[in-house]
Amino acid sequence: MQPTPAFAGSPVSSASGGATAPVAIELSDVSVTFGRGERAVPALATTTLKLFDGEFVALVGPSGCGKSTILRLVAGLVQPSTGVVILGGREVAAKALRIGMAFQNPTMLPWLTIEQNIMLPLKIVEPYRSQFARLKRTTFRDKANALLEQVGLKGFGRRFPWQLSGGMLQRANLCRALIHEPRMLLLDEPFGALDQFTREELWSILQELWILHRPTVLLVTHDLREAGFLASRICVMSARPGRILDDRAVTFARPRTVAMTFEPEFVALNQRLREFIVGEHGAAKPSGADHA
């Protein structure tokens, strides 16, 4: 299957891309500075960004550019120094929405089975929390095992985390992030600690899950192939204090395959992303710095 051209045409504007869909995530003139006075460290420059309902947006850029800061702003774990973060038409602090999160480390509780670990959000988040005691051995267990089957882990629900490989744990981690049917899925380098072949396998699994469930996804990654494979939009960020340098649609047909990532159009996409990041990184160095 030949991919369609990507990164062609004009950048995505704040009013385009998903104009007919409601805005799921909006950062309006948001900046973040950690500390005060002489110790103040600007982490994120004034940034405006919109994600429309059901979009899959990837943030790429050099280390320390503020990608994870944006993720934490959306999750409500960091407060903006200026501006406002709006989820589903409400400020983050106004009312919690159902959000799923997956990080590089799956952080499964070792004394619980995989099935029990996956069901943890159902024990915390309404409306599931009030039903948990009654449904945890029936409907909720079936829900967990249905997700496990979708990611190729059928029959592993009664195993413990220490009995699974890293790739298997990350699959289970995706199940835990999705079990409470979140409107938004936040992913912070979820496959960064895995080998290349396992990462590529999980790209396909995540793509299938997104196509099936269609949450709004915000992915932070250093892997440009991963961004191109998964995202419907890619935002390139500058070195700290981070700002968005480029925001464009990725138009490859879905479902995407690993083989597509070696096609000329996909390679061109990766090269353009790399040029943005390397060019900005070089420009950010002080005069006289070693460019070797």
Protein backbone atom coordinates (compact mmCIF):
# COMPACT_ATOMS: atom_id res chain seq x y z
CA MET A 1 0.00 0.00 0.00
CA GLN A 2 1.47 3.33 -1.06
CA PRO A 3 1.15 6.19 1.44
CA THR A 4 -0.27 9.46 0.28
CA PRO A 5 2.03 12.50 0.42
CA ALA A 6 2.54 13.96 3.89
CA PHE A 7 3.69 17.31 5.19
CA ALA A 8 2.46 18.95 2.00
CA GLY A 9 0.65 22.27 1.85
CA SER A 10 0.14 24.78 4.63
CA PRO A 11 0.55 24.19 8.36
CA VAL A 12 -2.56 23.31 10.34
CA SER A 13 -4.17 26.50 11.66
CA SER A 14 -5.95 26.72 14.98
CA ALA A 15 -9.26 26.76 13.16
CA SER A 16 -8.62 23.94 10.68
CA GLY A 17 -8.02 20.20 10.66
CA GLY A 18 -11.07 19.20 12.66
CA ALA A 19 -13.22 22.29 12.34
CA THR A 20 -16.43 20.26 12.27
CA ALA A 21 -15.50 18.37 15.46
CA PRO A 22 -15.66 19.87 18.94
CA VAL A 23 -12.43 21.04 20.53
CA ALA A 24 -11.26 18.42 23.01
CA ILE A 25 -8.09 20.07 24.33
CA GLU A 26 -7.14 23.73 24.11
CA LEU A 27 -4.10 25.55 25.44
CA SER A 28 -4.75 29.28 25.19
CA ASP A 29 -1.67 31.52 25.61
CA VAL A 30 -0.25 29.06 28.14
CA SER A 31 3.25 29.37 29.57
CA VAL A 32 5.01 27.58 32.43
CA THR A 33 7.88 28.83 34.58
CA PHE A 34 9.25 26.79 37.45
CA GLY A 35 10.67 28.64 40.45
CA ARG A 36 10.84 32.36 41.14
CA GLY A 37 13.27 35.24 40.90
CA GLU A 38 16.83 34.33 39.95
CA ARG A 39 15.98 30.65 40.15
CA ALA A 40 13.08 30.88 37.71
CA VAL A 41 13.34 28.38 34.86
CA PRO A 42 11.06 28.98 31.85
CA ALA A 43 9.88 25.54 30.69
CA LEU A 44 7.24 26.50 28.14
CA ALA A 45 6.97 29.74 26.19
CA THR A 46 3.54 31.20 25.44
CA THR A 47 1.76 28.45 23.53
CA THR A 48 -1.64 28.08 21.88
CA LEU A 49 -2.75 24.65 20.68
CA LYS A 50 -6.04 22.95 19.84
CA LEU A 51 -6.79 19.24 19.58
CA PHE A 52 -10.14 18.30 18.09
CA ASP A 53 -12.25 15.40 19.31
CA GLY A 54 -10.85 12.07 18.11
CA GLU A 55 -7.54 13.46 16.84
CA PHE A 56 -4.20 11.72 17.38
CA VAL A 57 -1.55 14.41 17.89
CA ALA A 58 2.15 13.76 18.48
CA LEU A 59 4.59 16.20 20.11
CA VAL A 60 8.21 15.86 19.00
CA GLY A 61 11.28 17.92 19.80
CA PRO A 62 14.62 17.89 21.65
CA SER A 63 14.86 16.72 25.24
CA GLY A 64 13.71 19.32 27.76
CA CYS A 65 11.64 21.30 25.25
CA GLY A 66 8.38 21.13 27.24
CA LYS A 67 6.62 18.18 25.59
CA SER A 68 5.94 16.43 28.88
CA THR A 69 5.07 19.77 30.48
CA ILE A 70 2.20 20.13 27.99
CA LEU A 71 1.08 16.60 28.82
CA ARG A 72 1.09 17.38 32.53
CA LEU A 73 -0.81 20.62 31.96
CA VAL A 74 -3.58 18.67 30.23
CA ALA A 75 -3.60 16.09 33.02
CA GLY A 76 -3.87 18.84 35.65
CA LEU A 77 -0.56 17.83 37.24
CA VAL A 78 1.05 21.21 36.45
CA GLN A 79 -0.60 24.61 36.66
CA PRO A 80 0.05 27.21 33.94
CA SER A 81 1.94 30.35 34.91
CA THR A 82 -0.12 32.27 32.35
CA GLY A 83 -3.05 31.37 30.13
CA VAL A 84 -5.64 28.65 30.51
CA VAL A 85 -6.03 24.95 29.69
CA ILE A 86 -9.49 23.87 28.56
CA LEU A 87 -10.71 20.28 28.24
CA GLY A 88 -14.07 19.56 26.68
CA GLY A 89 -15.10 23.21 27.04
CA ARG A 90 -14.14 23.45 30.73
CA GLU A 91 -11.03 24.64 32.50
CA VAL A 92 -8.93 21.75 33.79
CA ALA A 93 -9.49 22.78 37.40
CA ALA A 94 -13.27 23.10 36.99
CA LYS A 95 -14.29 19.48 36.59
CA ALA A 96 -12.26 16.33 36.06
CA LEU A 97 -12.85 14.47 32.80
CA ARG A 98 -12.04 10.82 32.22
CA ILE A 99 -8.41 10.73 31.10
CA GLY A 100 -6.29 7.67 30.42
CA MET A 101 -2.51 7.87 30.88
CA ALA A 102 0.39 5.61 29.94
CA PHE A 103 4.05 6.27 30.63
CA GLN A 104 7.37 4.67 29.72
CA ASN A 105 7.25 2.61 32.92
CA PRO A 106 4.03 0.56 33.20
CA THR A 107 4.16 0.76 37.06
CA MET A 108 2.01 -2.29 37.66
CA LEU A 109 1.40 -3.20 41.32
CA PRO A 110 3.35 -6.47 41.76
CA TRP A 111 0.97 -7.98 44.34
CA LEU A 112 -2.04 -7.71 42.01
CA THR A 113 -2.74 -9.82 38.96
CA ILE A 114 -2.69 -8.23 35.51
CA GLU A 115 -6.49 -8.37 35.50
CA GLN A 116 -6.66 -6.58 38.86
CA ASN A 117 -4.12 -3.96 37.76
CA ILE A 118 -6.12 -3.19 34.63
CA MET A 119 -9.31 -2.74 36.67
CA LEU A 120 -7.75 -0.16 39.04
CA PRO A 121 -9.24 2.88 37.22
CA LEU A 122 -12.69 1.32 37.60
CA LYS A 123 -12.12 1.34 41.36
CA ILE A 124 -11.36 5.07 41.32
CA VAL A 125 -13.36 6.75 38.55
CA GLU A 126 -17.10 7.34 38.54
CA PRO A 127 -19.54 6.01 37.48
CA TYR A 128 -17.58 2.75 37.80
CA ARG A 129 -16.38 3.30 41.37
CA SER A 130 -19.86 3.03 42.90
CA GLN A 131 -20.43 -0.23 41.01
CA PHE A 132 -17.02 -1.79 41.56
CA ALA A 133 -17.77 -4.01 44.55
CA ARG A 134 -20.78 -5.50 42.76
CA LEU A 135 -19.31 -5.92 39.27
CA LYS A 136 -15.58 -6.52 39.80
CA ARG A 137 -15.93 -10.31 39.49
CA THR A 138 -18.31 -10.27 36.54
CA THR A 139 -18.83 -7.38 34.13
CA PHE A 140 -15.63 -5.49 34.96
CA ARG A 141 -13.50 -8.64 34.83
CA ASP A 142 -15.01 -9.46 31.44
CA LYS A 143 -14.25 -5.90 30.29
CA ALA A 144 -10.60 -6.25 31.34
CA ASN A 145 -10.19 -9.59 29.61
CA ALA A 146 -11.85 -8.32 26.43
CA LEU A 147 -9.20 -5.58 26.24
CA LEU A 148 -6.44 -8.10 26.95
CA GLU A 149 -7.67 -10.17 24.04
CA GLN A 150 -7.59 -7.10 21.78
CA VAL A 151 -3.89 -6.59 22.52
CA GLY A 152 -2.95 -10.26 22.17
CA LEU A 153 -2.84 -11.15 25.89
CA LYS A 154 -5.79 -13.51 26.07
CA GLY A 155 -5.36 -15.86 29.02
CA PHE A 156 -2.79 -13.71 30.84
CA GLY A 157 -5.21 -11.90 33.16
CA ARG A 158 -4.47 -14.13 36.16
CA ARG A 159 -0.68 -13.77 35.80
CA PHE A 160 1.32 -11.36 37.94
CA PRO A 161 3.39 -8.48 36.50
CA TRP A 162 6.70 -10.20 37.23
CA GLN A 163 5.60 -13.09 35.02
CA LEU A 164 5.29 -10.91 31.89
CA SER A 165 7.89 -9.37 29.57
CA GLY A 166 8.30 -5.62 29.20
CA GLY A 167 6.35 -5.59 25.94
CA MET A 168 3.52 -7.59 27.46
CA LEU A 169 3.38 -5.23 30.44
CA GLN A 170 3.12 -2.23 28.14
CA ARG A 171 0.23 -3.88 26.30
CA ALA A 172 -1.49 -4.37 29.65
CA ASN A 173 -0.68 -0.75 30.48
CA LEU A 174 -2.62 0.37 27.39
CA CYS A 175 -5.56 -1.75 28.54
CA ARG A 176 -5.50 -0.06 31.94
CA ALA A 177 -5.42 3.36 30.27
CA LEU A 178 -8.49 2.53 28.18
CA ILE A 179 -10.67 0.42 30.46
CA HIS A 180 -12.65 3.36 31.88
CA GLU A 181 -13.41 4.58 28.33
CA PRO A 182 -11.51 7.87 28.63
CA ARG A 183 -12.33 10.77 26.36
CA MET A 184 -8.62 11.59 26.23
CA LEU A 185 -5.50 9.42 26.23
CA LEU A 186 -2.16 10.93 27.27
CA LEU A 187 0.96 8.96 26.31
CA ASP A 188 4.44 9.94 27.51
CA GLU A 189 7.11 7.90 25.68
CA PRO A 190 5.09 4.69 26.28
CA PHE A 191 7.37 2.51 24.15
CA GLY A 192 10.71 4.22 24.79
CA ALA A 193 12.18 1.42 26.92
CA LEU A 194 11.34 -1.38 24.45
CA ASP A 195 13.35 -2.88 21.63
CA GLN A 196 12.63 -1.82 18.06
CA PHE A 197 10.64 -4.91 17.05
CA THR A 198 8.44 -4.78 20.15
CA ARG A 199 7.87 -1.04 19.64
CA GLU A 200 6.76 -1.59 16.06
CA GLU A 201 4.37 -4.32 17.13
CA LEU A 202 2.86 -2.05 19.77
CA TRP A 203 2.47 0.79 17.26
CA SER A 204 0.11 -1.43 15.30
CA ILE A 205 -1.77 -2.44 18.45
CA LEU A 206 -2.17 1.17 19.58
CA GLN A 207 -3.34 2.17 16.10
CA GLU A 208 -5.99 -0.58 16.21
CA LEU A 209 -7.13 0.51 19.67
CA TRP A 210 -7.38 4.14 18.56
CA ILE A 211 -9.37 3.23 15.44
CA LEU A 212 -11.72 1.11 17.56
CA HIS A 213 -12.22 3.44 20.54
CA ARG A 214 -11.36 6.87 19.03
CA PRO A 215 -10.21 8.79 22.12
CA THR A 216 -8.42 12.09 21.61
CA VAL A 217 -4.73 11.17 21.93
CA LEU A 218 -1.75 13.35 22.83
CA LEU A 219 1.54 11.46 22.38
CA VAL A 220 4.98 12.63 23.51
CA THR A 221 7.79 10.84 21.69
CA HIS A 222 11.39 11.22 20.53
CA ASP A 223 10.85 8.59 17.82
CA LEU A 224 10.02 10.33 14.54
CA ARG A 225 8.94 7.08 12.86
CA GLU A 226 6.58 6.44 15.76
CA ALA A 227 5.06 9.90 15.39
CA GLY A 228 4.54 9.47 11.65
CA PHE A 229 3.10 5.98 12.04
CA LEU A 230 0.57 6.87 14.72
CA ALA A 231 -0.36 10.54 14.49
CA SER A 232 -2.88 12.44 12.42
CA ARG A 233 -0.97 15.64 13.29
CA ILE A 234 2.59 16.27 14.40
CA CYS A 235 3.66 19.34 16.37
CA VAL A 236 7.39 20.11 16.35
CA MET A 237 8.67 21.94 19.42
CA SER A 238 11.71 24.14 19.92
CA ALA A 239 14.40 23.83 22.57
CA ARG A 240 13.57 25.18 26.03
CA PRO A 241 11.64 27.32 26.63
CA GLY A 242 9.51 25.25 24.30
CA ARG A 243 7.23 26.62 21.67
CA ILE A 244 5.52 25.02 18.69
CA LEU A 245 7.57 25.54 15.54
CA ASP A 246 5.41 23.59 13.12
CA ASP A 247 1.99 21.91 13.19
CA ARG A 248 0.98 19.86 10.19
CA ALA A 249 -1.35 17.03 9.24
CA VAL A 250 -0.05 13.53 8.49
CA THR A 251 -2.12 12.17 5.62
CA PHE A 252 -0.89 8.60 5.23
CA ALA A 253 -3.78 6.18 4.70
CA ARG A 254 -4.89 3.96 7.59
CA PRO A 255 -4.38 1.33 8.73
CA ARG A 256 -0.68 2.05 8.46
CA THR A 257 1.97 -0.66 8.32
CA VAL A 258 5.61 -0.82 9.36
CA ALA A 259 6.52 -1.39 5.70
CA MET A 260 5.05 2.03 4.88
CA THR A 261 7.64 3.71 7.12
CA PHE A 262 10.34 2.83 4.58
CA GLU A 263 8.50 4.37 1.62
CA PRO A 264 10.02 7.58 0.14
CA GLU A 265 7.16 9.82 1.34
CA PHE A 266 7.50 8.57 4.90
CA VAL A 267 11.28 8.94 4.86
CA ALA A 268 10.81 12.50 3.58
CA LEU A 269 8.47 13.20 6.51
CA ASN A 270 11.06 11.97 9.01
CA GLN A 271 13.77 14.04 7.35
CA ARG A 272 11.68 17.21 7.49
CA LEU A 273 10.94 16.66 11.17
CA ARG A 274 14.61 16.05 11.85
CA GLU A 275 15.62 19.22 10.00
CA PHE A 276 13.25 21.28 12.13
CA ILE A 277 14.59 19.81 15.36
CA VAL A 278 18.30 19.83 14.46
CA GLY A 279 18.08 23.30 12.92
CA GLU A 280 16.39 24.73 15.99
CA HIS A 281 18.81 22.94 18.31
CA GLY A 282 21.77 24.42 16.45
CA ALA A 283 20.25 27.90 16.46
CA ALA A 284 19.66 27.67 20.21
CA LYS A 285 23.39 27.10 20.97
CA PRO A 286 25.32 30.12 22.28
CA SER A 287 27.78 31.85 19.97
CA GLY A 288 31.08 30.02 19.83
CA ALA A 289 29.62 26.75 21.08
CA ASP A 290 31.12 23.53 19.80
CA HIS A 291 29.07 22.25 16.88
CA ALA A 292 30.92 18.99 16.52
